[in-house]
Amino acid sequence: MTYRLVNAYIMKITIVDIARLAGVSQATVSRVINNSEKVKESTRSKIQQVMKDNNYVYNALAGGSGKNATCTIGLIIPTITNPIFAVSTQGIQTAAAKRGYSILLGTTEYSSSTELDLVRLFSEKQVDGIILTGAPMNHLTINYINQRNIPFVITYERIKSANASFVTFDNVMAANRTMDYLFSLGHRRIGMITGQFSYSGRSERRWQGYKAGLEKRGILYDEQLVMQKDFTVIGGREAATRMLQNPNPPTAIFCGNDIIAYGAMAIAKEKGLKVGTDISIVGFDDLEMSATMDPPLTTTRIPGSEMGEMGAKILIDKIEKINEEPVQYILETDFIVRSSVADLNK
């Protein structure tokens, strides 16, 4: 049975309306919202159906100041274990604070269901807008955001939509530049350790740049030289171990981020290889400690802080209706040459 307010589109649905439609008290509705066990399952199901039919979203800030805006931005990042996301988060927080906004942070740990759960939670908390780090993993995420007219901005990746705002950099081009550098130093057998394509579009695009670099020079793609791993030191160690056990190992390993590269460097040293002489390793991100590794890591520096600041500014301009048009930026990256790559031409 469907319970629906026929004029719901012109009024704000409240807990009072839900209680009336379900034929229960406001206290019972409140218990369902707060997951209390003191509600019969049949009653709980009926109330939840009424809320679903009427697109009801609980206002967790109700009873507060009464202001429509909360001056809060919801920020979703993949993980807190990768320092690169701390860099962009700091940029977001700095820009938001200047405009009087605070940040509500959530991590997905690369789970599409957690991503959707966080968006729902942010909606309940009545955030004024959401910043997504990377393209949504779940199509339901964008559907949910759009249905509720929540302003949003994407960082780190672009999406194929003329109506979406994003601030990113060209992952394919940056990876291709890495390949150009390795080829210029005489490397032809190049391996790649990348993140899992299933939860990171950035990983797949960096792989596309790697593959395009091979094709440009007529070098056959070798599946044994490409491995998808988690963005962790352990992932880098495991993949590099297998690559170096190959009867014909690569002379260079292109890692999808610096953390993977740290693991690859560690296992190379354990096997008695000198990084930058016996084996070459390249990273991606340019984390702060990459310059202090032994040897210092050659890598791609991405504009993390700038992306964060610009993303926050674009979102707040949308929230405050200063500019509601889509804004799309593709920023430049820098290739940082250090000592972790050997010149085979010498």
C-alpha atoms as a PDB file:
ATOM      1  CA  MET A   1       0.000   0.000   0.000  1.00  0.00           C
ATOM      2  CA  THR A   2       1.336   3.446  -0.932  1.00  0.00           C
ATOM      3  CA  TYR A   3       1.131   6.379   1.481  1.00  0.00           C
ATOM      4  CA  ARG A   4       1.823   9.667  -0.263  1.00  0.00           C
ATOM      5  CA  LEU A   5       1.139  13.360   0.145  1.00  0.00           C
ATOM      6  CA  VAL A   6      -0.314  14.404  -3.198  1.00  0.00           C
ATOM      7  CA  ASN A   7       0.997  17.950  -2.823  1.00  0.00           C
ATOM      8  CA  ALA A   8       4.349  16.892  -1.398  1.00  0.00           C
ATOM      9  CA  TYR A   9       6.226  18.731  -4.134  1.00  0.00           C
ATOM     10  CA  ILE A  10       5.138  22.106  -2.774  1.00  0.00           C
ATOM     11  CA  MET A  11       5.672  21.489   0.909  1.00  0.00           C
ATOM     12  CA  LYS A  12       8.429  20.351   3.257  1.00  0.00           C
ATOM     13  CA  ILE A  13       7.659  16.880   4.613  1.00  0.00           C
ATOM     14  CA  THR A  14       8.027  16.768   8.385  1.00  0.00           C
ATOM     15  CA  ILE A  15       8.013  14.075  11.040  1.00  0.00           C
ATOM     16  CA  VAL A  16       4.452  15.182  11.844  1.00  0.00           C
ATOM     17  CA  ASP A  17       3.346  14.347   8.297  1.00  0.00           C
ATOM     18  CA  ILE A  18       5.034  10.950   8.402  1.00  0.00           C
ATOM     19  CA  ALA A  19       3.370  10.105  11.716  1.00  0.00           C
ATOM     20  CA  ARG A  20      -0.074  11.129  10.392  1.00  0.00           C
ATOM     21  CA  LEU A  21       0.272   9.140   7.164  1.00  0.00           C
ATOM     22  CA  ALA A  22       1.507   6.048   8.982  1.00  0.00           C
ATOM     23  CA  GLY A  23      -1.136   6.340  11.705  1.00  0.00           C
ATOM     24  CA  VAL A  24       1.395   6.342  14.525  1.00  0.00           C
ATOM     25  CA  SER A  25       2.766   8.805  17.040  1.00  0.00           C
ATOM     26  CA  GLN A  26       5.662  11.156  16.374  1.00  0.00           C
ATOM     27  CA  ALA A  27       7.564   9.328  19.112  1.00  0.00           C
ATOM     28  CA  THR A  28       7.251   6.055  17.179  1.00  0.00           C
ATOM     29  CA  VAL A  29       8.554   7.691  14.012  1.00  0.00           C
ATOM     30  CA  SER A  30      11.441   9.107  16.010  1.00  0.00           C
ATOM     31  CA  ARG A  31      12.274   5.646  17.364  1.00  0.00           C
ATOM     32  CA  VAL A  32      12.402   4.259  13.822  1.00  0.00           C
ATOM     33  CA  ILE A  33      14.676   7.112  12.691  1.00  0.00           C
ATOM     34  CA  ASN A  34      17.000   6.436  15.615  1.00  0.00           C
ATOM     35  CA  ASN A  35      16.946   2.648  15.087  1.00  0.00           C
ATOM     36  CA  SER A  36      15.333   1.935  18.422  1.00  0.00           C
ATOM     37  CA  GLU A  37      14.454  -1.704  19.066  1.00  0.00           C
ATOM     38  CA  LYS A  38      11.206  -0.681  20.791  1.00  0.00           C
ATOM     39  CA  VAL A  39       9.189  -0.788  17.557  1.00  0.00           C
ATOM     40  CA  LYS A  40       7.405  -3.766  16.028  1.00  0.00           C
ATOM     41  CA  GLU A  41       8.943  -4.873  12.745  1.00  0.00           C
ATOM     42  CA  SER A  42       5.637  -4.465  10.918  1.00  0.00           C
ATOM     43  CA  THR A  43       5.269  -0.904  12.220  1.00  0.00           C
ATOM     44  CA  ARG A  44       8.868  -0.108  11.357  1.00  0.00           C
ATOM     45  CA  SER A  45       8.381  -1.353   7.790  1.00  0.00           C
ATOM     46  CA  LYS A  46       5.211   0.701   7.364  1.00  0.00           C
ATOM     47  CA  ILE A  47       6.879   3.897   8.582  1.00  0.00           C
ATOM     48  CA  GLN A  48       9.941   3.327   6.411  1.00  0.00           C
ATOM     49  CA  GLN A  49       7.696   2.826   3.387  1.00  0.00           C
ATOM     50  CA  VAL A  50       5.894   6.103   4.092  1.00  0.00           C
ATOM     51  CA  MET A  51       9.235   7.927   4.344  1.00  0.00           C
ATOM     52  CA  LYS A  52      10.415   6.364   1.095  1.00  0.00           C
ATOM     53  CA  ASP A  53       7.186   7.184  -0.758  1.00  0.00           C
ATOM     54  CA  ASN A  54       7.463  10.818   0.265  1.00  0.00           C
ATOM     55  CA  ASN A  55      11.244  11.235  -0.158  1.00  0.00           C
ATOM     56  CA  TYR A  56      11.529  12.123   3.495  1.00  0.00           C
ATOM     57  CA  VAL A  57      15.009  12.959   4.761  1.00  0.00           C
ATOM     58  CA  TYR A  58      15.463  13.335   8.483  1.00  0.00           C
ATOM     59  CA  ASN A  59      16.923  16.692   9.527  1.00  0.00           C
ATOM     60  CA  ALA A  60      19.466  15.790  12.188  1.00  0.00           C
ATOM     61  CA  LEU A  61      19.934  19.490  12.935  1.00  0.00           C
ATOM     62  CA  ALA A  62      16.262  20.223  13.531  1.00  0.00           C
ATOM     63  CA  GLY A  63      15.650  22.217  16.651  1.00  0.00           C
ATOM     64  CA  GLY A  64      18.850  24.169  16.192  1.00  0.00           C
ATOM     65  CA  SER A  65      19.253  27.747  15.104  1.00  0.00           C
ATOM     66  CA  GLY A  66      16.467  27.564  12.528  1.00  0.00           C
ATOM     67  CA  LYS A  67      18.754  28.780   9.717  1.00  0.00           C
ATOM     68  CA  ASN A  68      18.283  27.106   6.356  1.00  0.00           C
ATOM     69  CA  ALA A  69      22.020  26.819   5.748  1.00  0.00           C
ATOM     70  CA  THR A  70      24.282  24.841   8.069  1.00  0.00           C
ATOM     71  CA  CYS A  71      27.520  26.276   6.650  1.00  0.00           C
ATOM     72  CA  THR A  72      28.808  22.709   6.477  1.00  0.00           C
ATOM     73  CA  ILE A  73      30.367  20.843   3.544  1.00  0.00           C
ATOM     74  CA  GLY A  74      30.417  17.072   3.345  1.00  0.00           C
ATOM     75  CA  LEU A  75      33.755  15.732   2.077  1.00  0.00           C
ATOM     76  CA  ILE A  76      34.193  12.138   0.931  1.00  0.00           C
ATOM     77  CA  ILE A  77      37.725  10.768   0.484  1.00  0.00           C
ATOM     78  CA  PRO A  78      38.794   7.190  -0.306  1.00  0.00           C
ATOM     79  CA  THR A  79      40.996   6.695   2.769  1.00  0.00           C
ATOM     80  CA  ILE A  80      42.898   8.556   5.466  1.00  0.00           C
ATOM     81  CA  THR A  81      45.938   6.274   5.094  1.00  0.00           C
ATOM     82  CA  ASN A  82      47.153   7.965   1.892  1.00  0.00           C
ATOM     83  CA  PRO A  83      48.732  11.343   2.697  1.00  0.00           C
ATOM     84  CA  ILE A  84      47.829  12.768  -0.720  1.00  0.00           C
ATOM     85  CA  PHE A  85      44.207  13.053   0.379  1.00  0.00           C
ATOM     86  CA  ALA A  86      45.318  14.928   3.487  1.00  0.00           C
ATOM     87  CA  VAL A  87      46.905  17.513   1.187  1.00  0.00           C
ATOM     88  CA  SER A  88      43.700  18.125  -0.774  1.00  0.00           C
ATOM     89  CA  THR A  89      41.614  18.011   2.415  1.00  0.00           C
ATOM     90  CA  GLN A  90      43.780  20.755   3.910  1.00  0.00           C
ATOM     91  CA  GLY A  91      43.217  22.849   0.795  1.00  0.00           C
ATOM     92  CA  ILE A  92      39.456  22.360   1.080  1.00  0.00           C
ATOM     93  CA  GLN A  93      39.423  23.202   4.765  1.00  0.00           C
ATOM     94  CA  THR A  94      41.520  26.332   4.254  1.00  0.00           C
ATOM     95  CA  ALA A  95      39.264  27.660   1.493  1.00  0.00           C
ATOM     96  CA  ALA A  96      36.082  26.696   3.352  1.00  0.00           C
ATOM     97  CA  ALA A  97      37.171  28.370   6.591  1.00  0.00           C
ATOM     98  CA  LYS A  98      37.748  31.644   4.749  1.00  0.00           C
ATOM     99  CA  ARG A  99      34.088  31.557   3.724  1.00  0.00           C
ATOM    100  CA  GLY A 100      32.794  30.527   7.154  1.00  0.00           C
ATOM    101  CA  TYR A 101      32.197  26.845   6.375  1.00  0.00           C
ATOM    102  CA  SER A 102      33.214  23.743   8.317  1.00  0.00           C
ATOM    103  CA  ILE A 103      33.932  20.249   6.971  1.00  0.00           C
ATOM    104  CA  LEU A 104      32.212  16.948   7.740  1.00  0.00           C
ATOM    105  CA  LEU A 105      34.619  14.196   6.623  1.00  0.00           C
ATOM    106  CA  GLY A 106      33.859  10.610   5.635  1.00  0.00           C
ATOM    107  CA  THR A 107      36.026   7.836   4.136  1.00  0.00           C
ATOM    108  CA  THR A 108      34.793   5.109   1.806  1.00  0.00           C
ATOM    109  CA  GLU A 109      37.790   2.752   2.032  1.00  0.00           C
ATOM    110  CA  TYR A 110      37.036   2.236  -1.665  1.00  0.00           C
ATOM    111  CA  SER A 111      33.568   0.784  -0.984  1.00  0.00           C
ATOM    112  CA  SER A 112      30.740   1.899  -3.293  1.00  0.00           C
ATOM    113  CA  SER A 113      28.081   1.022  -0.703  1.00  0.00           C
ATOM    114  CA  THR A 114      29.879   3.072   1.957  1.00  0.00           C
ATOM    115  CA  GLU A 115      30.039   5.978  -0.476  1.00  0.00           C
ATOM    116  CA  LEU A 116      26.247   5.937  -0.863  1.00  0.00           C
ATOM    117  CA  ASP A 117      25.781   5.550   2.899  1.00  0.00           C
ATOM    118  CA  LEU A 118      27.949   8.621   3.493  1.00  0.00           C
ATOM    119  CA  VAL A 119      25.971  10.702   1.008  1.00  0.00           C
ATOM    120  CA  ARG A 120      22.767   9.692   2.768  1.00  0.00           C
ATOM    121  CA  LEU A 121      24.282  10.555   6.135  1.00  0.00           C
ATOM    122  CA  PHE A 122      25.446  13.942   4.886  1.00  0.00           C
ATOM    123  CA  SER A 123      21.948  14.570   3.548  1.00  0.00           C
ATOM    124  CA  GLU A 124      20.493  13.777   6.975  1.00  0.00           C
ATOM    125  CA  LYS A 125      22.999  16.131   8.545  1.00  0.00           C
ATOM    126  CA  GLN A 126      21.731  18.791   6.132  1.00  0.00           C
ATOM    127  CA  VAL A 127      25.133  19.674   4.673  1.00  0.00           C
ATOM    128  CA  ASP A 128      24.955  22.519   2.176  1.00  0.00           C
ATOM    129  CA  GLY A 129      27.004  20.677  -0.446  1.00  0.00           C
ATOM    130  CA  ILE A 130      29.285  17.688  -1.039  1.00  0.00           C
ATOM    131  CA  ILE A 131      32.803  17.286  -2.437  1.00  0.00           C
ATOM    132  CA  LEU A 132      33.512  13.853  -3.915  1.00  0.00           C
ATOM    133  CA  THR A 133      37.149  12.783  -4.212  1.00  0.00           C
ATOM    134  CA  GLY A 134      37.160  10.937  -7.506  1.00  0.00           C
ATOM    135  CA  ALA A 135      34.244   9.980  -9.725  1.00  0.00           C
ATOM    136  CA  PRO A 136      31.395   8.246  -7.868  1.00  0.00           C
ATOM    137  CA  MET A 137      31.820   4.483  -7.661  1.00  0.00           C
ATOM    138  CA  ASN A 138      28.073   3.953  -7.376  1.00  0.00           C
ATOM    139  CA  HIS A 139      25.620   5.381  -9.947  1.00  0.00           C
ATOM    140  CA  LEU A 140      23.070   5.567  -7.134  1.00  0.00           C
ATOM    141  CA  THR A 141      25.274   8.170  -5.445  1.00  0.00           C
ATOM    142  CA  ILE A 142      24.770  10.734  -8.197  1.00  0.00           C
ATOM    143  CA  ASN A 143      21.097   9.811  -8.520  1.00  0.00           C
ATOM    144  CA  TYR A 144      20.612  10.438  -4.797  1.00  0.00           C
ATOM    145  CA  ILE A 145      22.450  13.761  -4.908  1.00  0.00           C
ATOM    146  CA  ASN A 146      20.578  14.988  -7.978  1.00  0.00           C
ATOM    147  CA  GLN A 147      17.159  13.941  -6.693  1.00  0.00           C
ATOM    148  CA  ARG A 148      17.717  16.080  -3.615  1.00  0.00           C
ATOM    149  CA  ASN A 149      19.337  18.978  -5.478  1.00  0.00           C
ATOM    150  CA  ILE A 150      22.464  18.851  -3.331  1.00  0.00           C
ATOM    151  CA  PRO A 151      25.265  20.978  -4.841  1.00  0.00           C
ATOM    152  CA  PHE A 152      28.388  18.889  -5.468  1.00  0.00           C
ATOM    153  CA  VAL A 153      31.877  19.066  -6.959  1.00  0.00           C
ATOM    154  CA  ILE A 154      34.249  16.275  -7.962  1.00  0.00           C
ATOM    155  CA  THR A 155      38.023  16.462  -7.491  1.00  0.00           C
ATOM    156  CA  TYR A 156      40.808  14.223  -8.867  1.00  0.00           C
ATOM    157  CA  GLU A 157      38.743  13.028 -11.837  1.00  0.00           C
ATOM    158  CA  ARG A 158      36.523  14.319 -14.600  1.00  0.00           C
ATOM    159  CA  ILE A 159      33.169  12.778 -15.427  1.00  0.00           C
ATOM    160  CA  LYS A 160      31.378  12.710 -18.759  1.00  0.00           C
ATOM    161  CA  SER A 161      28.695  15.216 -17.930  1.00  0.00           C
ATOM    162  CA  ALA A 162      28.350  18.777 -19.129  1.00  0.00           C
ATOM    163  CA  ASN A 163      26.329  19.572 -15.999  1.00  0.00           C
ATOM    164  CA  ALA A 164      28.882  18.445 -13.409  1.00  0.00           C
ATOM    165  CA  SER A 165      31.603  20.597 -11.867  1.00  0.00           C
ATOM    166  CA  PHE A 166      35.052  19.120 -11.335  1.00  0.00           C
ATOM    167  CA  VAL A 167      38.668  20.079 -10.649  1.00  0.00           C
ATOM    168  CA  THR A 168      41.201  17.513 -11.755  1.00  0.00           C
ATOM    169  CA  PHE A 169      44.351  16.832 -13.764  1.00  0.00           C
ATOM    170  CA  ASP A 170      44.986  14.626 -16.779  1.00  0.00           C
ATOM    171  CA  ASN A 171      45.973  11.203 -15.414  1.00  0.00           C
ATOM    172  CA  VAL A 172      46.526   9.743 -18.884  1.00  0.00           C
ATOM    173  CA  MET A 173      48.804  12.566 -19.993  1.00  0.00           C
ATOM    174  CA  ALA A 174      50.782  12.513 -16.744  1.00  0.00           C
ATOM    175  CA  ALA A 175      51.365   8.754 -17.016  1.00  0.00           C
ATOM    176  CA  ASN A 176      52.347   9.099 -20.665  1.00  0.00           C
ATOM    177  CA  ARG A 177      54.922  11.701 -19.696  1.00  0.00           C
ATOM    178  CA  THR A 178      56.425   9.203 -17.251  1.00  0.00           C
ATOM    179  CA  MET A 179      56.738   6.698 -20.088  1.00  0.00           C
ATOM    180  CA  ASP A 180      58.358   9.311 -22.319  1.00  0.00           C
ATOM    181  CA  TYR A 181      60.979   9.917 -19.639  1.00  0.00           C
ATOM    182  CA  LEU A 182      61.733   6.230 -19.148  1.00  0.00           C
ATOM    183  CA  PHE A 183      62.056   5.667 -22.894  1.00  0.00           C
ATOM    184  CA  SER A 184      64.371   8.677 -23.196  1.00  0.00           C
ATOM    185  CA  LEU A 185      66.756   6.912 -20.790  1.00  0.00           C
ATOM    186  CA  GLY A 186      66.760   3.711 -22.816  1.00  0.00           C
ATOM    187  CA  HIS A 187      64.182   1.639 -20.917  1.00  0.00           C
ATOM    188  CA  ARG A 188      62.090  -0.674 -23.087  1.00  0.00           C
ATOM    189  CA  ARG A 189      60.929  -3.384 -20.689  1.00  0.00           C
ATOM    190  CA  ILE A 190      58.793  -1.405 -18.255  1.00  0.00           C
ATOM    191  CA  GLY A 191      56.469  -2.874 -15.637  1.00  0.00           C
ATOM    192  CA  MET A 192      53.552  -1.156 -13.936  1.00  0.00           C
ATOM    193  CA  ILE A 193      52.027  -1.647 -10.491  1.00  0.00           C
ATOM    194  CA  THR A 194      48.683   0.101 -10.399  1.00  0.00           C
ATOM    195  CA  GLY A 195      45.720   0.390  -8.067  1.00  0.00           C
ATOM    196  CA  GLN A 196      42.590  -1.695  -8.528  1.00  0.00           C
ATOM    197  CA  PHE A 197      40.578  -0.539 -11.538  1.00  0.00           C
ATOM    198  CA  SER A 198      37.360  -1.735  -9.870  1.00  0.00           C
ATOM    199  CA  TYR A 199      37.415   1.071  -7.329  1.00  0.00           C
ATOM    200  CA  SER A 200      39.719   3.698  -8.765  1.00  0.00           C
ATOM    201  CA  GLY A 201      39.197   5.272 -12.164  1.00  0.00           C
ATOM    202  CA  ARG A 202      42.438   7.165 -11.608  1.00  0.00           C
ATOM    203  CA  SER A 203      44.321   3.860 -11.611  1.00  0.00           C
ATOM    204  CA  GLU A 204      42.832   2.790 -14.911  1.00  0.00           C
ATOM    205  CA  ARG A 205      43.607   6.098 -16.573  1.00  0.00           C
ATOM    206  CA  ARG A 206      47.236   5.986 -15.447  1.00  0.00           C
ATOM    207  CA  TRP A 207      47.407   2.472 -16.894  1.00  0.00           C
ATOM    208  CA  GLN A 208      45.931   3.815 -20.133  1.00  0.00           C
ATOM    209  CA  GLY A 209      48.772   6.351 -20.280  1.00  0.00           C
ATOM    210  CA  TYR A 210      51.272   3.551 -19.647  1.00  0.00           C
ATOM    211  CA  LYS A 211      49.793   1.381 -22.388  1.00  0.00           C
ATOM    212  CA  ALA A 212      49.633   4.279 -24.844  1.00  0.00           C
ATOM    213  CA  GLY A 213      53.334   4.915 -24.212  1.00  0.00           C
ATOM    214  CA  LEU A 214      54.154   1.350 -25.232  1.00  0.00           C
ATOM    215  CA  GLU A 215      51.942   1.479 -28.309  1.00  0.00           C
ATOM    216  CA  LYS A 216      53.483   4.763 -29.434  1.00  0.00           C
ATOM    217  CA  ARG A 217      56.829   2.993 -29.711  1.00  0.00           C
ATOM    218  CA  GLY A 218      55.558  -0.282 -31.135  1.00  0.00           C
ATOM    219  CA  ILE A 219      56.304  -2.287 -27.984  1.00  0.00           C
ATOM    220  CA  LEU A 220      53.998  -5.229 -27.298  1.00  0.00           C
ATOM    221  CA  TYR A 221      51.933  -5.074 -24.141  1.00  0.00           C
ATOM    222  CA  ASP A 222      52.964  -7.805 -21.675  1.00  0.00           C
ATOM    223  CA  GLU A 223      50.291  -8.713 -19.104  1.00  0.00           C
ATOM    224  CA  GLN A 224      52.927 -10.297 -16.865  1.00  0.00           C
ATOM    225  CA  LEU A 225      54.441  -6.852 -16.346  1.00  0.00           C
ATOM    226  CA  VAL A 226      51.224  -5.212 -15.111  1.00  0.00           C
ATOM    227  CA  MET A 227      49.713  -5.886 -11.691  1.00  0.00           C
ATOM    228  CA  GLN A 228      46.751  -4.364  -9.904  1.00  0.00           C
ATOM    229  CA  LYS A 229      47.232  -4.014  -6.158  1.00  0.00           C
ATOM    230  CA  ASP A 230      45.930  -1.957  -3.258  1.00  0.00           C
ATOM    231  CA  PHE A 231      47.500   1.483  -2.871  1.00  0.00           C
ATOM    232  CA  THR A 232      49.724   0.240  -0.026  1.00  0.00           C
ATOM    233  CA  VAL A 233      53.363  -0.468   0.745  1.00  0.00           C
ATOM    234  CA  ILE A 234      52.470  -4.152   1.086  1.00  0.00           C
ATOM    235  CA  GLY A 235      50.816  -4.084  -2.327  1.00  0.00           C
ATOM    236  CA  GLY A 236      53.964  -2.614  -3.830  1.00  0.00           C
ATOM    237  CA  ARG A 237      56.184  -5.210  -2.151  1.00  0.00           C
ATOM    238  CA  GLU A 238      54.040  -8.128  -3.328  1.00  0.00           C
ATOM    239  CA  ALA A 239      53.818  -6.972  -6.934  1.00  0.00           C
ATOM    240  CA  ALA A 240      57.499  -6.013  -7.207  1.00  0.00           C
ATOM    241  CA  THR A 241      58.499  -9.386  -5.755  1.00  0.00           C
ATOM    242  CA  ARG A 242      56.633 -11.203  -8.535  1.00  0.00           C
ATOM    243  CA  MET A 243      57.986  -8.897 -11.236  1.00  0.00           C
ATOM    244  CA  LEU A 244      61.579  -9.323 -10.116  1.00  0.00           C
ATOM    245  CA  GLN A 245      61.160 -13.110 -10.098  1.00  0.00           C
ATOM    246  CA  ASN A 246      60.291 -12.996 -13.798  1.00  0.00           C
ATOM    247  CA  PRO A 247      63.000 -14.721 -15.910  1.00  0.00           C
ATOM    248  CA  ASN A 248      63.114 -11.509 -17.925  1.00  0.00           C
ATOM    249  CA  PRO A 249      62.392  -8.817 -15.319  1.00  0.00           C
ATOM    250  CA  PRO A 250      61.664  -5.182 -16.175  1.00  0.00           C
ATOM    251  CA  THR A 251      64.431  -2.605 -16.071  1.00  0.00           C
ATOM    252  CA  ALA A 252      61.962  -0.046 -14.709  1.00  0.00           C
ATOM    253  CA  ILE A 253      58.755  -0.192 -12.669  1.00  0.00           C
ATOM    254  CA  PHE A 254      56.149   2.561 -12.972  1.00  0.00           C
ATOM    255  CA  CYS A 255      54.096   2.656  -9.754  1.00  0.00           C
ATOM    256  CA  GLY A 256      50.567   4.075  -9.638  1.00  0.00           C
ATOM    257  CA  ASN A 257      51.373   6.093  -6.533  1.00  0.00           C
ATOM    258  CA  ASP A 258      54.318   6.857  -4.280  1.00  0.00           C
ATOM    259  CA  ILE A 259      53.195   4.496  -1.518  1.00  0.00           C
ATOM    260  CA  ILE A 260      53.291   1.539  -3.906  1.00  0.00           C
ATOM    261  CA  ALA A 261      56.727   2.750  -5.012  1.00  0.00           C
ATOM    262  CA  TYR A 262      57.996   2.693  -1.417  1.00  0.00           C
ATOM    263  CA  GLY A 263      57.075  -0.985  -1.190  1.00  0.00           C
ATOM    264  CA  ALA A 264      58.739  -1.744  -4.515  1.00  0.00           C
ATOM    265  CA  MET A 265      61.922   0.055  -3.447  1.00  0.00           C
ATOM    266  CA  ALA A 266      62.019  -1.861  -0.169  1.00  0.00           C
ATOM    267  CA  ILE A 267      61.789  -5.296  -1.796  1.00  0.00           C
ATOM    268  CA  ALA A 268      64.370  -4.355  -4.433  1.00  0.00           C
ATOM    269  CA  LYS A 269      66.844  -3.468  -1.687  1.00  0.00           C
ATOM    270  CA  GLU A 270      66.079  -6.708   0.167  1.00  0.00           C
ATOM    271  CA  LYS A 271      67.020  -8.598  -2.989  1.00  0.00           C
ATOM    272  CA  GLY A 272      70.349  -6.774  -3.114  1.00  0.00           C
ATOM    273  CA  LEU A 273      69.434  -4.459  -5.971  1.00  0.00           C
ATOM    274  CA  LYS A 274      70.440  -0.813  -6.002  1.00  0.00           C
ATOM    275  CA  VAL A 275      67.488   1.387  -6.924  1.00  0.00           C
ATOM    276  CA  GLY A 276      68.526   3.894  -9.579  1.00  0.00           C
ATOM    277  CA  THR A 277      71.257   1.590 -10.852  1.00  0.00           C
ATOM    278  CA  ASP A 278      70.140  -2.053 -11.003  1.00  0.00           C
ATOM    279  CA  ILE A 279      66.415  -1.319 -11.110  1.00  0.00           C
ATOM    280  CA  SER A 280      64.544   1.910 -11.793  1.00  0.00           C
ATOM    281  CA  ILE A 281      61.365   2.883  -9.923  1.00  0.00           C
ATOM    282  CA  VAL A 282      59.001   5.790 -10.573  1.00  0.00           C
ATOM    283  CA  GLY A 283      56.071   6.936  -8.431  1.00  0.00           C
ATOM    284  CA  PHE A 284      53.056   9.203  -8.760  1.00  0.00           C
ATOM    285  CA  ASP A 285      51.775  11.961  -6.374  1.00  0.00           C
ATOM    286  CA  ASP A 286      55.053  13.355  -4.953  1.00  0.00           C
ATOM    287  CA  LEU A 287      54.346  12.856  -1.271  1.00  0.00           C
ATOM    288  CA  GLU A 288      56.530  14.867   1.080  1.00  0.00           C
ATOM    289  CA  MET A 289      58.758  11.955   2.064  1.00  0.00           C
ATOM    290  CA  SER A 290      59.462  10.960  -1.551  1.00  0.00           C
ATOM    291  CA  ALA A 291      62.253  13.540  -1.701  1.00  0.00           C
ATOM    292  CA  THR A 292      63.908  11.936   1.339  1.00  0.00           C
ATOM    293  CA  MET A 293      63.784   8.298   0.210  1.00  0.00           C
ATOM    294  CA  ASP A 294      67.034   6.444  -0.495  1.00  0.00           C
ATOM    295  CA  PRO A 295      67.404   7.240  -3.322  1.00  0.00           C
ATOM    296  CA  PRO A 296      65.003  10.178  -3.715  1.00  0.00           C
ATOM    297  CA  LEU A 297      62.017   9.072  -5.789  1.00  0.00           C
ATOM    298  CA  THR A 298      61.315  10.306  -9.309  1.00  0.00           C
ATOM    299  CA  THR A 299      57.586  10.973  -9.471  1.00  0.00           C
ATOM    300  CA  THR A 300      54.699  13.108 -10.744  1.00  0.00           C
ATOM    301  CA  ARG A 301      53.662  15.994  -8.530  1.00  0.00           C
ATOM    302  CA  ILE A 302      49.916  16.520  -8.557  1.00  0.00           C
ATOM    303  CA  PRO A 303      48.210  19.800  -7.541  1.00  0.00           C
ATOM    304  CA  GLY A 304      46.487  18.368  -4.454  1.00  0.00           C
ATOM    305  CA  SER A 305      46.182  21.533  -2.393  1.00  0.00           C
ATOM    306  CA  GLU A 306      45.159  23.643  -5.378  1.00  0.00           C
ATOM    307  CA  MET A 307      42.486  21.120  -6.357  1.00  0.00           C
ATOM    308  CA  GLY A 308      41.086  21.212  -2.841  1.00  0.00           C
ATOM    309  CA  GLU A 309      40.984  24.989  -2.618  1.00  0.00           C
ATOM    310  CA  MET A 310      39.403  25.393  -6.042  1.00  0.00           C
ATOM    311  CA  GLY A 311      36.889  22.622  -5.389  1.00  0.00           C
ATOM    312  CA  ALA A 312      35.742  24.267  -2.149  1.00  0.00           C
ATOM    313  CA  LYS A 313      35.450  27.687  -3.788  1.00  0.00           C
ATOM    314  CA  ILE A 314      33.395  26.318  -6.692  1.00  0.00           C
ATOM    315  CA  LEU A 315      31.073  24.455  -4.332  1.00  0.00           C
ATOM    316  CA  ILE A 316      30.521  27.404  -2.006  1.00  0.00           C
ATOM    317  CA  ASP A 317      29.822  29.661  -4.977  1.00  0.00           C
ATOM    318  CA  LYS A 318      27.143  27.150  -5.997  1.00  0.00           C
ATOM    319  CA  ILE A 319      25.712  26.995  -2.482  1.00  0.00           C
ATOM    320  CA  GLU A 320      25.549  30.777  -2.212  1.00  0.00           C
ATOM    321  CA  LYS A 321      24.230  31.060  -5.797  1.00  0.00           C
ATOM    322  CA  ILE A 322      27.145  33.253  -6.853  1.00  0.00           C
ATOM    323  CA  ASN A 323      27.705  30.936  -9.809  1.00  0.00           C
ATOM    324  CA  GLU A 324      25.415  27.956 -10.357  1.00  0.00           C
ATOM    325  CA  GLU A 325      26.820  27.071 -13.789  1.00  0.00           C
ATOM    326  CA  PRO A 326      29.056  23.986 -14.154  1.00  0.00           C
ATOM    327  CA  VAL A 327      32.754  24.758 -13.684  1.00  0.00           C
ATOM    328  CA  GLN A 328      35.356  22.335 -15.035  1.00  0.00           C
ATOM    329  CA  TYR A 329      39.112  22.722 -14.538  1.00  0.00           C
ATOM    330  CA  ILE A 330      41.988  20.491 -15.625  1.00  0.00           C
ATOM    331  CA  LEU A 331      45.159  21.512 -13.790  1.00  0.00           C
ATOM    332  CA  GLU A 332      48.800  20.904 -14.693  1.00  0.00           C
ATOM    333  CA  THR A 333      51.085  18.335 -13.084  1.00  0.00           C
ATOM    334  CA  ASP A 334      54.878  18.475 -12.733  1.00  0.00           C
ATOM    335  CA  PHE A 335      57.307  15.643 -13.414  1.00  0.00           C
ATOM    336  CA  ILE A 336      59.943  15.603 -10.673  1.00  0.00           C
ATOM    337  CA  VAL A 337      63.231  13.998 -11.672  1.00  0.00           C
ATOM    338  CA  ARG A 338      65.317  12.595  -8.824  1.00  0.00           C
ATOM    339  CA  SER A 339      67.708   9.639  -8.481  1.00  0.00           C
ATOM    340  CA  SER A 340      65.566   6.492  -8.638  1.00  0.00           C
ATOM    341  CA  VAL A 341      65.893   5.966 -12.414  1.00  0.00           C
ATOM    342  CA  ALA A 342      68.994   4.721 -14.227  1.00  0.00           C
ATOM    343  CA  ASP A 343      70.118   6.115 -17.561  1.00  0.00           C
ATOM    344  CA  LEU A 344      70.644   3.028 -19.725  1.00  0.00           C
ATOM    345  CA  ASN A 345      72.024   5.130 -22.576  1.00  0.00           C
ATOM    346  CA  LYS A 346      75.307   5.704 -20.747  1.00  0.00           C
END
